[in-house]
């Protein structure tokens, strides 16, 4: 009935390389699921992330710990005024009386201490104040903070 002269594929086996690859992928998949499923292995990216953040926390607190580095240094205050004019005056006006941003010569919503000013400039504040740490760096922010401190006196 089924005897034809056409060649048949029914008795051919899969090449051994393909079989090894197939079973290798299955074994790797089982290992991956067992290793990285939190319900099975207990592994969590969040635990690793929290450990890294805990290591980085002392470095971050040290960077904000010395905003009084240039306090009273007239040369640094002059540089801070130039930096302020280039980066801050567009929103806070050249005399810091406020425009789009708040008046910097009075009491500020997030605090007027050196460390508060540093934190505001470096990391920004909600509803409009962008962070300037990437643009300016710590040293230049310290100088801007020293300049802003002179505006309150």
N, C-alpha and C. Protein backbone atom coordinates (compact mmCIF):
# COMPACT_ATOMS: atom_id res chain seq x y z
N UNK A 1 0.78 -1.19 0.00
CA UNK A 1 0.00 0.00 0.00
C UNK A 1 0.83 1.27 0.00
N UNK A 2 1.78 1.34 0.92
CA UNK A 2 2.59 2.54 1.01
C UNK A 2 3.94 2.37 0.34
N UNK A 3 4.11 1.41 -0.39
CA UNK A 3 5.38 1.21 -1.07
C UNK A 3 5.46 2.12 -2.28
N UNK A 4 6.32 3.11 -2.15
CA UNK A 4 6.56 4.01 -3.27
C UNK A 4 8.05 4.09 -3.50
N UNK A 5 8.41 4.65 -4.58
CA UNK A 5 9.82 4.78 -4.89
C UNK A 5 10.45 6.02 -4.25
N UNK A 6 9.66 6.84 -3.55
CA UNK A 6 10.19 8.05 -2.91
C UNK A 6 10.93 7.69 -1.63
N UNK A 7 12.05 8.36 -1.38
CA UNK A 7 12.80 8.05 -0.15
C UNK A 7 12.03 8.50 1.09
N UNK A 8 12.07 7.77 2.15
CA UNK A 8 11.38 8.10 3.39
C UNK A 8 12.34 8.63 4.44
N UNK A 9 11.78 9.41 5.37
CA UNK A 9 12.58 10.01 6.44
C UNK A 9 12.27 9.35 7.79
N UNK A 10 11.45 8.38 7.84
CA UNK A 10 10.97 7.81 9.09
C UNK A 10 12.02 7.13 9.93
N UNK A 11 13.10 6.67 9.38
CA UNK A 11 14.08 5.92 10.16
C UNK A 11 15.36 6.72 10.43
N UNK A 12 15.36 7.99 10.11
CA UNK A 12 16.54 8.82 10.38
C UNK A 12 16.52 9.30 11.83
N UNK A 13 17.67 9.34 12.46
CA UNK A 13 17.75 9.82 13.84
C UNK A 13 18.30 11.25 13.84
N UNK A 14 18.05 11.95 14.98
CA UNK A 14 18.53 13.33 15.13
C UNK A 14 20.03 13.27 15.35
N UNK A 15 20.79 14.20 14.76
CA UNK A 15 22.24 14.19 14.98
C UNK A 15 22.59 14.32 16.46
N UNK A 16 23.65 13.65 16.88
CA UNK A 16 24.04 13.62 18.29
C UNK A 16 24.36 15.01 18.83
N UNK A 17 24.92 15.87 18.02
CA UNK A 17 25.22 17.24 18.46
C UNK A 17 23.97 18.01 18.84
N UNK A 18 22.91 17.84 18.05
CA UNK A 18 21.65 18.50 18.35
C UNK A 18 21.02 17.93 19.63
N UNK A 19 21.13 16.63 19.83
CA UNK A 19 20.59 16.02 21.05
C UNK A 19 21.34 16.54 22.28
N UNK A 20 22.67 16.64 22.19
CA UNK A 20 23.45 17.18 23.31
C UNK A 20 23.05 18.62 23.60
N UNK A 21 22.90 19.40 22.57
CA UNK A 21 22.48 20.80 22.75
C UNK A 21 21.11 20.87 23.41
N UNK A 22 20.17 20.08 22.95
CA UNK A 22 18.81 20.06 23.48
C UNK A 22 18.81 19.74 24.97
N UNK A 23 19.48 18.64 25.35
CA UNK A 23 19.51 18.25 26.76
C UNK A 23 20.35 19.23 27.60
N UNK A 24 21.38 19.80 26.99
CA UNK A 24 22.17 20.80 27.69
C UNK A 24 21.34 22.04 28.04
N UNK A 25 20.51 22.47 27.12
CA UNK A 25 19.64 23.62 27.37
C UNK A 25 18.63 23.29 28.47
N UNK A 26 18.09 22.10 28.46
CA UNK A 26 17.13 21.70 29.50
C UNK A 26 17.83 21.68 30.87
N UNK A 27 19.02 21.12 30.94
CA UNK A 27 19.75 21.07 32.21
C UNK A 27 20.08 22.49 32.69
N UNK A 28 20.54 23.34 31.78
CA UNK A 28 20.85 24.73 32.15
C UNK A 28 19.61 25.45 32.64
N UNK A 29 18.47 25.25 31.99
CA UNK A 29 17.22 25.91 32.37
C UNK A 29 16.78 25.48 33.76
N UNK A 30 16.88 24.20 34.06
CA UNK A 30 16.52 23.72 35.40
C UNK A 30 17.45 24.34 36.44
N UNK A 31 18.76 24.35 36.16
CA UNK A 31 19.72 24.97 37.10
C UNK A 31 19.39 26.44 37.32
N UNK A 32 19.09 27.17 36.26
CA UNK A 32 18.81 28.60 36.36
C UNK A 32 17.56 28.85 37.21
N UNK A 33 16.53 28.08 36.97
CA UNK A 33 15.29 28.26 37.73
C UNK A 33 15.52 27.96 39.20
N UNK A 34 16.23 26.87 39.49
CA UNK A 34 16.50 26.51 40.88
C UNK A 34 17.39 27.55 41.56
N UNK A 35 18.36 28.09 40.85
CA UNK A 35 19.31 29.02 41.44
C UNK A 35 18.76 30.42 41.65
N UNK A 36 17.92 30.90 40.76
CA UNK A 36 17.52 32.30 40.79
C UNK A 36 16.03 32.54 41.04
N UNK A 37 15.30 31.55 41.46
CA UNK A 37 13.91 31.75 41.84
C UNK A 37 13.89 31.94 43.36
N UNK A 38 13.49 33.12 43.83
CA UNK A 38 13.55 33.40 45.27
C UNK A 38 12.79 32.40 46.13
N UNK A 39 11.68 31.87 45.64
CA UNK A 39 10.91 30.92 46.44
C UNK A 39 11.65 29.61 46.63
N UNK A 40 12.56 29.27 45.71
CA UNK A 40 13.28 28.00 45.80
C UNK A 40 14.63 28.20 46.49
N UNK A 41 15.43 29.13 45.99
CA UNK A 41 16.80 29.28 46.50
C UNK A 41 16.94 30.36 47.57
N UNK A 42 16.01 31.28 47.65
CA UNK A 42 16.12 32.37 48.60
C UNK A 42 16.95 33.53 48.08
N UNK A 43 17.50 33.41 46.89
CA UNK A 43 18.31 34.47 46.29
C UNK A 43 17.42 35.64 45.92
N UNK A 44 17.94 36.84 46.12
CA UNK A 44 17.19 38.03 45.75
C UNK A 44 18.14 39.13 45.34
N UNK A 45 17.85 39.76 44.23
CA UNK A 45 18.64 40.90 43.78
C UNK A 45 18.59 42.01 44.82
N UNK A 46 17.48 42.16 45.49
CA UNK A 46 17.33 43.24 46.44
C UNK A 46 18.29 43.11 47.61
N UNK A 47 18.59 41.89 48.04
CA UNK A 47 19.56 41.70 49.12
C UNK A 47 20.93 42.17 48.68
N UNK A 48 21.35 41.80 47.47
CA UNK A 48 22.64 42.24 46.95
C UNK A 48 22.66 43.76 46.79
N UNK A 49 21.56 44.32 46.31
CA UNK A 49 21.47 45.77 46.13
C UNK A 49 21.59 46.50 47.46
N UNK A 50 20.90 46.00 48.48
CA UNK A 50 20.96 46.63 49.80
C UNK A 50 22.37 46.57 50.38
N UNK A 51 23.10 45.47 50.16
CA UNK A 51 24.48 45.37 50.62
C UNK A 51 25.37 46.41 49.93
N UNK A 52 25.20 46.56 48.63
CA UNK A 52 25.98 47.55 47.89
C UNK A 52 25.66 48.97 48.36
N UNK A 53 24.39 49.25 48.59
CA UNK A 53 24.00 50.58 49.05
C UNK A 53 24.52 50.86 50.46
N UNK A 54 24.58 49.83 51.30
CA UNK A 54 25.12 50.02 52.64
C UNK A 54 26.61 50.35 52.58
N UNK A 55 27.33 49.73 51.65
CA UNK A 55 28.75 50.03 51.47
C UNK A 55 28.94 51.46 50.95
N UNK A 56 28.03 51.92 50.10
CA UNK A 56 28.16 53.24 49.50
C UNK A 56 27.69 54.35 50.43
N UNK A 57 26.89 54.04 51.42
CA UNK A 57 26.33 55.06 52.31
C UNK A 57 27.39 55.88 53.04
N UNK A 58 28.44 55.28 53.59
CA UNK A 58 29.45 56.12 54.26
C UNK A 58 30.12 57.11 53.31
N UNK A 59 30.35 56.70 52.08
CA UNK A 59 30.97 57.61 51.11
C UNK A 59 30.04 58.77 50.79
N UNK A 60 28.75 58.51 50.70
CA UNK A 60 27.79 59.56 50.40
C UNK A 60 27.67 60.54 51.57
N UNK A 61 27.71 60.02 52.80
CA UNK A 61 27.59 60.92 53.94
C UNK A 61 28.86 61.76 54.11
N UNK A 62 30.01 61.22 53.72
CA UNK A 62 31.24 62.00 53.78
C UNK A 62 31.22 63.15 52.80
N UNK A 63 30.62 62.93 51.62
CA UNK A 63 30.61 63.98 50.61
C UNK A 63 29.76 65.16 51.04
N UNK A 64 28.72 64.92 51.82
CA UNK A 64 27.86 66.01 52.27
C UNK A 64 28.29 66.57 53.62
N UNK A 65 29.34 66.02 54.20
CA UNK A 65 29.73 66.40 55.55
C UNK A 65 30.57 67.66 55.61
N UNK A 66 31.13 68.13 54.49
CA UNK A 66 32.03 69.27 54.56
C UNK A 66 31.65 70.42 53.62
N UNK A 67 30.40 70.87 53.62
CA UNK A 67 30.08 71.99 52.75
C UNK A 67 30.64 73.32 53.24
N UNK A 68 31.24 73.36 54.43
CA UNK A 68 31.83 74.60 54.95
C UNK A 68 33.29 74.73 54.56
N UNK A 69 33.73 73.93 53.61
CA UNK A 69 35.13 73.91 53.18
C UNK A 69 35.62 75.30 52.73
N UNK A 70 34.79 76.05 52.02
CA UNK A 70 35.18 77.35 51.49
C UNK A 70 34.50 78.52 52.20
N UNK A 71 33.87 78.27 53.31
CA UNK A 71 33.17 79.32 54.03
C UNK A 71 34.14 80.42 54.45
N UNK A 72 33.88 81.64 54.02
CA UNK A 72 34.72 82.78 54.36
C UNK A 72 35.91 82.99 53.45
N UNK A 73 36.16 82.12 52.50
CA UNK A 73 37.28 82.24 51.56
C UNK A 73 36.83 83.14 50.40
N UNK A 74 37.36 84.36 50.34
CA UNK A 74 36.89 85.34 49.35
C UNK A 74 37.12 84.89 47.91
N UNK A 75 38.22 84.22 47.65
CA UNK A 75 38.48 83.73 46.29
C UNK A 75 37.46 82.67 45.89
N UNK A 76 37.17 81.74 46.80
CA UNK A 76 36.19 80.69 46.52
C UNK A 76 34.79 81.29 46.37
N UNK A 77 34.48 82.30 47.17
CA UNK A 77 33.16 82.96 47.08
C UNK A 77 33.02 83.65 45.73
N UNK A 78 34.08 84.28 45.25
CA UNK A 78 34.04 84.91 43.92
C UNK A 78 33.83 83.87 42.83
N UNK A 79 34.51 82.73 42.95
CA UNK A 79 34.29 81.65 41.98
C UNK A 79 32.87 81.11 42.08
N UNK A 80 32.38 81.00 43.31
CA UNK A 80 31.00 80.55 43.52
C UNK A 80 30.00 81.48 42.89
N UNK A 81 30.29 82.78 42.93
CA UNK A 81 29.40 83.76 42.30
C UNK A 81 29.37 83.57 40.79
N UNK A 82 30.53 83.29 40.20
CA UNK A 82 30.59 83.03 38.75
C UNK A 82 29.82 81.76 38.40
N UNK A 83 30.02 80.72 39.19
CA UNK A 83 29.31 79.46 38.95
C UNK A 83 27.81 79.67 39.10
N UNK A 84 27.42 80.44 40.11
CA UNK A 84 26.01 80.76 40.32
C UNK A 84 25.45 81.49 39.10
N UNK A 85 26.18 82.48 38.61
CA UNK A 85 25.71 83.25 37.46
C UNK A 85 25.53 82.39 36.22
N UNK A 86 26.38 81.40 36.04
CA UNK A 86 26.30 80.53 34.88
C UNK A 86 25.20 79.49 35.00
N UNK A 87 25.03 78.91 36.17
CA UNK A 87 24.14 77.76 36.33
C UNK A 87 22.83 78.03 37.06
N UNK A 88 22.80 79.03 37.92
CA UNK A 88 21.64 79.21 38.80
C UNK A 88 20.82 80.46 38.50
N UNK A 89 21.47 81.48 37.94
CA UNK A 89 20.81 82.78 37.77
C UNK A 89 19.62 82.70 36.82
N UNK A 90 19.59 81.76 35.92
CA UNK A 90 18.46 81.65 34.98
C UNK A 90 17.15 81.43 35.73
N UNK A 91 17.19 80.68 36.82
CA UNK A 91 15.97 80.41 37.58
C UNK A 91 15.83 81.28 38.83
N UNK A 92 16.95 81.62 39.46
CA UNK A 92 16.90 82.35 40.73
C UNK A 92 17.25 83.82 40.60
N UNK A 93 17.45 84.31 39.38
CA UNK A 93 17.83 85.69 39.08
C UNK A 93 19.28 85.95 39.53
N UNK A 94 19.91 86.94 38.91
CA UNK A 94 21.31 87.24 39.19
C UNK A 94 21.53 87.70 40.63
N UNK A 95 20.54 88.39 41.20
CA UNK A 95 20.66 88.85 42.59
C UNK A 95 20.06 87.87 43.59
N UNK A 96 19.67 86.68 43.15
CA UNK A 96 19.10 85.61 43.97
C UNK A 96 17.76 85.99 44.59
N UNK A 97 17.08 86.95 43.99
CA UNK A 97 15.79 87.38 44.54
C UNK A 97 14.65 86.47 44.14
N UNK A 98 14.91 85.51 43.29
CA UNK A 98 13.87 84.54 42.91
C UNK A 98 13.24 84.90 41.59
N UNK A 99 12.88 83.93 40.87
CA UNK A 99 12.20 84.07 39.59
C UNK A 99 11.36 82.82 39.43
N UNK A 100 11.84 81.92 38.60
CA UNK A 100 11.20 80.61 38.52
C UNK A 100 11.45 79.86 39.82
N UNK A 101 12.67 79.96 40.32
CA UNK A 101 13.04 79.34 41.58
C UNK A 101 12.79 80.29 42.74
N UNK A 102 12.90 79.82 43.97
CA UNK A 102 12.61 80.67 45.14
C UNK A 102 13.69 81.72 45.39
N UNK A 103 13.33 82.68 46.22
CA UNK A 103 14.25 83.72 46.68
C UNK A 103 15.28 83.05 47.59
N UNK A 104 16.56 83.18 47.26
CA UNK A 104 17.61 82.53 48.03
C UNK A 104 18.18 83.40 49.13
N UNK A 105 17.70 84.62 49.24
CA UNK A 105 18.22 85.51 50.28
C UNK A 105 17.44 85.40 51.59
N UNK A 106 16.32 84.73 51.58
CA UNK A 106 15.50 84.59 52.78
C UNK A 106 15.55 83.18 53.33
N UNK A 107 14.52 82.84 54.08
CA UNK A 107 14.40 81.50 54.64
C UNK A 107 13.93 80.55 53.54
N UNK A 108 14.56 79.41 53.47
CA UNK A 108 14.24 78.46 52.40
C UNK A 108 13.42 77.30 52.93
N UNK A 109 12.60 76.74 52.08
CA UNK A 109 11.69 75.66 52.45
C UNK A 109 12.43 74.43 52.97
N UNK A 110 13.56 74.09 52.36
CA UNK A 110 14.29 72.89 52.74
C UNK A 110 15.47 73.18 53.65
N UNK A 111 15.55 74.38 54.20
CA UNK A 111 16.59 74.73 55.15
C UNK A 111 17.64 75.64 54.55
N UNK A 112 18.26 76.43 55.40
CA UNK A 112 19.24 77.41 54.95
C UNK A 112 20.64 77.14 55.47
N UNK A 113 20.85 76.01 56.12
CA UNK A 113 22.19 75.70 56.61
C UNK A 113 23.08 75.31 55.44
N UNK A 114 24.38 75.26 55.69
CA UNK A 114 25.32 74.90 54.62
C UNK A 114 25.01 73.52 54.06
N UNK A 115 24.78 72.56 54.94
CA UNK A 115 24.52 71.20 54.45
C UNK A 115 23.18 71.12 53.72
N UNK A 116 22.19 71.91 54.15
CA UNK A 116 20.91 71.93 53.43
C UNK A 116 21.08 72.53 52.04
N UNK A 117 21.84 73.61 51.95
CA UNK A 117 22.09 74.22 50.64
C UNK A 117 22.85 73.27 49.73
N UNK A 118 23.86 72.62 50.31
CA UNK A 118 24.63 71.64 49.52
C UNK A 118 23.71 70.54 48.99
N UNK A 119 22.89 70.00 49.87
CA UNK A 119 21.96 68.92 49.49
C UNK A 119 21.00 69.38 48.40
N UNK A 120 20.50 70.59 48.50
CA UNK A 120 19.57 71.12 47.49
C UNK A 120 20.24 71.25 46.13
N UNK A 121 21.45 71.78 46.11
CA UNK A 121 22.14 71.98 44.84
C UNK A 121 22.61 70.64 44.26
N UNK A 122 23.17 69.79 45.09
CA UNK A 122 23.75 68.53 44.61
C UNK A 122 22.68 67.55 44.14
N UNK A 123 21.65 67.36 44.95
CA UNK A 123 20.66 66.32 44.65
C UNK A 123 19.32 66.84 44.16
N UNK A 124 19.14 68.16 44.15
CA UNK A 124 17.88 68.72 43.68
C UNK A 124 16.79 68.59 44.73
N UNK A 125 15.65 69.15 44.41
CA UNK A 125 14.48 69.07 45.29
C UNK A 125 13.25 68.80 44.43
N UNK A 126 12.19 68.26 45.03
CA UNK A 126 10.99 67.96 44.26
C UNK A 126 10.36 69.23 43.67
N UNK A 127 9.65 69.07 42.61
CA UNK A 127 8.87 70.13 41.96
C UNK A 127 9.73 71.24 41.36
N UNK A 128 10.83 70.88 40.71
CA UNK A 128 11.51 71.88 39.92
C UNK A 128 13.00 72.03 40.05
N UNK A 129 13.59 71.79 41.21
CA UNK A 129 15.02 71.98 41.37
C UNK A 129 15.76 70.73 40.89
N UNK A 130 16.49 70.84 39.77
CA UNK A 130 17.21 69.66 39.26
C UNK A 130 18.52 69.46 40.02
N UNK A 131 19.04 68.24 40.03
CA UNK A 131 20.33 68.00 40.67
C UNK A 131 21.48 68.50 39.79
N UNK A 132 22.50 69.05 40.43
CA UNK A 132 23.64 69.59 39.70
C UNK A 132 24.95 68.87 40.02
N UNK A 133 24.89 67.75 40.73
CA UNK A 133 26.11 67.04 41.09
C UNK A 133 26.88 66.59 39.85
N UNK A 134 26.22 66.08 38.85
CA UNK A 134 26.89 65.61 37.63
C UNK A 134 27.55 66.76 36.89
N UNK A 135 26.88 67.89 36.83
CA UNK A 135 27.41 69.03 36.08
C UNK A 135 28.55 69.74 36.81
N UNK A 136 28.38 69.94 38.10
CA UNK A 136 29.30 70.80 38.84
C UNK A 136 30.34 70.03 39.65
N UNK A 137 29.97 68.95 40.25
CA UNK A 137 30.88 68.24 41.14
C UNK A 137 30.87 68.85 42.54
N UNK A 138 31.43 68.13 43.49
CA UNK A 138 31.39 68.56 44.89
C UNK A 138 32.08 69.89 45.13
N UNK A 139 33.26 70.05 44.59
CA UNK A 139 34.07 71.23 44.88
C UNK A 139 33.37 72.51 44.42
N UNK A 140 32.83 72.49 43.22
CA UNK A 140 32.14 73.69 42.72
C UNK A 140 30.84 73.95 43.48
N UNK A 141 30.17 72.89 43.91
CA UNK A 141 28.96 73.08 44.72
C UNK A 141 29.32 73.69 46.06
N UNK A 142 30.45 73.29 46.65
CA UNK A 142 30.91 73.91 47.89
C UNK A 142 31.11 75.41 47.70
N UNK A 143 31.66 75.79 46.57
CA UNK A 143 31.89 77.21 46.30
C UNK A 143 30.57 77.97 46.13
N UNK A 144 29.61 77.36 45.44
CA UNK A 144 28.29 77.99 45.30
C UNK A 144 27.64 78.13 46.67
N UNK A 145 27.78 77.11 47.50
CA UNK A 145 27.22 77.16 48.85
C UNK A 145 27.85 78.29 49.66
N UNK A 146 29.16 78.46 49.53
CA UNK A 146 29.84 79.56 50.23
C UNK A 146 29.32 80.90 49.74
N UNK A 147 29.08 81.02 48.44
CA UNK A 147 28.53 82.27 47.90
C UNK A 147 27.11 82.51 48.41
N UNK A 148 26.27 81.49 48.38
CA UNK A 148 24.89 81.64 48.85
C UNK A 148 24.84 82.02 50.32
N UNK A 149 25.79 81.54 51.08
CA UNK A 149 25.84 81.88 52.50
C UNK A 149 26.07 83.38 52.71
N UNK A 150 26.82 84.01 51.81
CA UNK A 150 27.10 85.44 51.94
C UNK A 150 25.87 86.28 51.63
N UNK A 151 24.93 85.75 50.88
CA UNK A 151 23.72 86.51 50.52
C UNK A 151 22.80 86.71 51.72
N UNK A 152 22.91 85.87 52.71
CA UNK A 152 22.02 85.94 53.88
C UNK A 152 22.53 86.91 54.93
N UNK A 153 23.78 87.34 54.82
CA UNK A 153 24.36 88.21 55.86
C UNK A 153 24.09 89.67 55.56
